[in-house]
Amino acid sequence: MRKSKRTMRGDHIVPTMIKLARCTNLHRIIMSGPAAPERIFELQRLGYSRVATTATCGLPRGQYDVALVDWQLRSISALETTLNWLVHFLTPAGVLVVGLAFNKYSDQRTLKSIFERLGFQIEAGVRCEDGVAISARRLEAQIALPRVA
């Protein structure tokens, strides 16, 4: 009997999100989204052992360096609700990375405004085969560059 090797939708999103977050295996990571339990195993396979899901992390108290949100095929309004709650788990210098499938241009503008309302600024974005991955940092955590006169 021959086994077929099937890949799940969004299989490449976790390595892409890790690269955008610029995290090492020493960072504390919180994973959110409908496929978070499966993604935890993928992160552990990649050598990240300090990982939790929103279901197993306890109370939010700024204890995580990175929040990864795999939000494939979910609504933007539900994402906003999740992010409003999730940002309290991040340290002040923490990074938030969201992977999602964009259906229309208005979703991109909506996501940018959500980040801004939460006090985050988009840092980078990458197109993936199923959508995009976007990283953002808190505005107060950004290092201010000296102004040139």
Protein backbone atom coordinates (compact mmCIF):
# COMPACT_ATOMS: atom_id res chain seq x y z
CA MET A 1 0.00 0.00 0.00
CA ARG A 2 1.33 3.40 -0.96
CA LYS A 3 0.90 6.42 1.30
CA SER A 4 0.22 9.71 -0.36
CA LYS A 5 1.99 12.71 1.00
CA ARG A 6 -0.60 15.47 1.29
CA THR A 7 0.20 18.91 2.57
CA MET A 8 -2.26 20.88 4.58
CA ARG A 9 -3.31 24.34 3.50
CA GLY A 10 -0.85 26.81 4.98
CA ASP A 11 1.93 24.31 5.75
CA HIS A 12 4.59 26.89 4.90
CA ILE A 13 3.13 29.62 7.06
CA VAL A 14 4.90 28.71 10.33
CA PRO A 15 8.49 28.94 9.01
CA THR A 16 7.54 32.19 7.27
CA MET A 17 6.08 33.60 10.48
CA ILE A 18 9.18 32.58 12.46
CA LYS A 19 11.42 34.40 9.97
CA LEU A 20 9.27 37.53 10.15
CA ALA A 21 9.37 37.48 13.96
CA ARG A 22 13.15 37.03 13.90
CA CYS A 23 12.89 34.76 16.90
CA THR A 24 15.26 32.15 18.22
CA ASN A 25 14.47 28.97 20.10
CA LEU A 26 15.05 30.92 23.34
CA HIS A 27 12.07 33.22 22.81
CA ARG A 28 8.76 32.48 24.49
CA ILE A 29 6.09 32.06 21.81
CA ILE A 30 2.32 32.03 22.07
CA MET A 31 0.39 30.51 19.17
CA SER A 32 -3.20 31.39 18.36
CA GLY A 33 -5.70 30.43 15.71
CA PRO A 34 -7.89 27.48 14.81
CA ALA A 35 -4.92 25.26 13.92
CA ALA A 36 -2.77 26.26 16.93
CA PRO A 37 -2.49 22.76 18.46
CA GLU A 38 -1.16 21.33 15.19
CA ARG A 39 1.17 24.30 14.70
CA ILE A 40 2.65 23.75 18.17
CA PHE A 41 3.93 20.36 17.05
CA GLU A 42 5.46 21.96 13.97
CA LEU A 43 7.20 24.60 16.09
CA GLN A 44 8.54 21.95 18.45
CA ARG A 45 9.80 19.93 15.50
CA LEU A 46 11.66 23.05 14.37
CA GLY A 47 13.35 23.32 17.79
CA TYR A 48 11.10 25.84 19.55
CA SER A 49 10.31 24.35 22.97
CA ARG A 50 9.06 27.46 24.79
CA VAL A 51 5.71 27.49 23.01
CA ALA A 52 2.14 27.61 24.29
CA THR A 53 -1.31 28.02 22.80
CA THR A 54 -3.87 30.49 24.04
CA ALA A 55 -5.70 27.52 25.58
CA THR A 56 -2.70 26.48 27.72
CA CYS A 57 -0.95 29.75 28.57
CA GLY A 58 -2.68 30.95 31.73
CA LEU A 59 -3.42 34.60 32.48
CA PRO A 60 -2.15 37.41 30.24
CA ARG A 61 0.69 39.25 31.96
CA GLY A 62 3.15 40.25 29.27
CA GLN A 63 5.16 37.04 29.42
CA TYR A 64 5.63 36.17 25.72
CA ASP A 65 8.17 37.59 23.27
CA VAL A 66 6.31 36.54 20.12
CA ALA A 67 2.66 35.98 19.26
CA LEU A 68 1.98 33.95 16.12
CA VAL A 69 -1.57 34.01 14.78
CA ASP A 70 -2.48 31.56 12.01
CA TRP A 71 -5.78 32.98 10.79
CA GLN A 72 -6.36 31.23 7.47
CA LEU A 73 -9.88 31.57 6.07
CA ARG A 74 -11.33 33.37 9.12
CA SER A 75 -13.05 36.74 9.31
CA ILE A 76 -11.16 39.97 9.94
CA SER A 77 -13.64 41.03 12.65
CA ALA A 78 -13.02 37.80 14.59
CA LEU A 79 -9.28 38.40 14.18
CA GLU A 80 -9.66 41.85 15.73
CA THR A 81 -11.38 40.36 18.78
CA THR A 82 -8.61 37.78 19.16
CA LEU A 83 -5.84 40.38 18.79
CA ASN A 84 -7.47 42.69 21.36
CA TRP A 85 -7.14 39.88 23.88
CA LEU A 86 -3.83 38.43 22.68
CA VAL A 87 -1.70 41.58 22.87
CA HIS A 88 -1.85 41.46 26.67
CA PHE A 89 0.28 38.30 26.58
CA LEU A 90 3.15 40.11 24.82
CA THR A 91 6.09 41.81 26.47
CA PRO A 92 6.42 45.54 25.72
CA ALA A 93 9.03 44.75 23.04
CA GLY A 94 7.12 41.72 21.73
CA VAL A 95 6.33 41.10 18.08
CA LEU A 96 2.98 40.06 16.65
CA VAL A 97 2.90 38.02 13.44
CA VAL A 98 -0.36 37.26 11.67
CA GLY A 99 -0.72 34.83 8.77
CA LEU A 100 -3.96 35.05 6.83
CA ALA A 101 -5.60 34.66 3.46
CA PHE A 102 -6.65 37.96 1.93
CA ASN A 103 -9.78 37.88 -0.14
CA LYS A 104 -9.87 41.53 -1.08
CA TYR A 105 -7.90 44.74 -0.83
CA SER A 106 -10.16 46.16 1.90
CA ASP A 107 -8.97 43.38 4.25
CA GLN A 108 -5.43 44.78 4.05
CA ARG A 109 -6.55 48.28 4.99
CA THR A 110 -8.74 46.91 7.79
CA LEU A 111 -5.84 44.90 9.21
CA LYS A 112 -3.58 47.95 9.15
CA SER A 113 -6.16 49.98 11.07
CA ILE A 114 -6.57 47.15 13.61
CA PHE A 115 -2.83 47.14 14.24
CA GLU A 116 -2.82 50.92 14.63
CA ARG A 117 -5.72 50.85 17.13
CA LEU A 118 -3.79 48.29 19.19
CA GLY A 119 -0.68 50.49 19.19
CA PHE A 120 1.30 48.39 16.71
CA GLN A 121 3.07 49.38 13.53
CA ILE A 122 3.46 47.01 10.61
CA GLU A 123 7.11 46.12 10.24
CA ALA A 124 7.18 43.66 7.33
CA GLY A 125 4.98 41.49 5.19
CA VAL A 126 5.49 38.48 2.95
CA ARG A 127 3.20 36.92 0.35
CA CYS A 128 2.72 33.20 0.84
CA GLU A 129 1.04 30.68 -1.42
CA ASP A 130 -2.22 30.97 0.54
CA GLY A 131 -2.15 34.65 1.53
CA VAL A 132 0.19 36.89 3.50
CA ALA A 133 2.11 36.98 6.76
CA ILE A 134 2.54 40.35 8.47
CA SER A 135 4.69 41.28 11.45
CA ALA A 136 4.10 44.28 13.68
CA ARG A 137 5.71 45.78 16.79
CA ARG A 138 4.39 48.12 19.44
CA LEU A 139 4.95 51.75 18.59
CA GLU A 140 6.51 52.51 22.00
CA ALA A 141 8.97 49.62 21.55
CA GLN A 142 10.34 51.03 18.31
CA ILE A 143 13.76 52.59 18.66
CA ALA A 144 13.59 56.24 17.76
CA LEU A 145 16.09 57.18 15.09
CA PRO A 146 17.92 60.48 15.55
CA ARG A 147 16.58 63.27 13.39
CA VAL A 148 18.82 64.78 10.79
CA ALA A 149 18.79 68.58 10.82
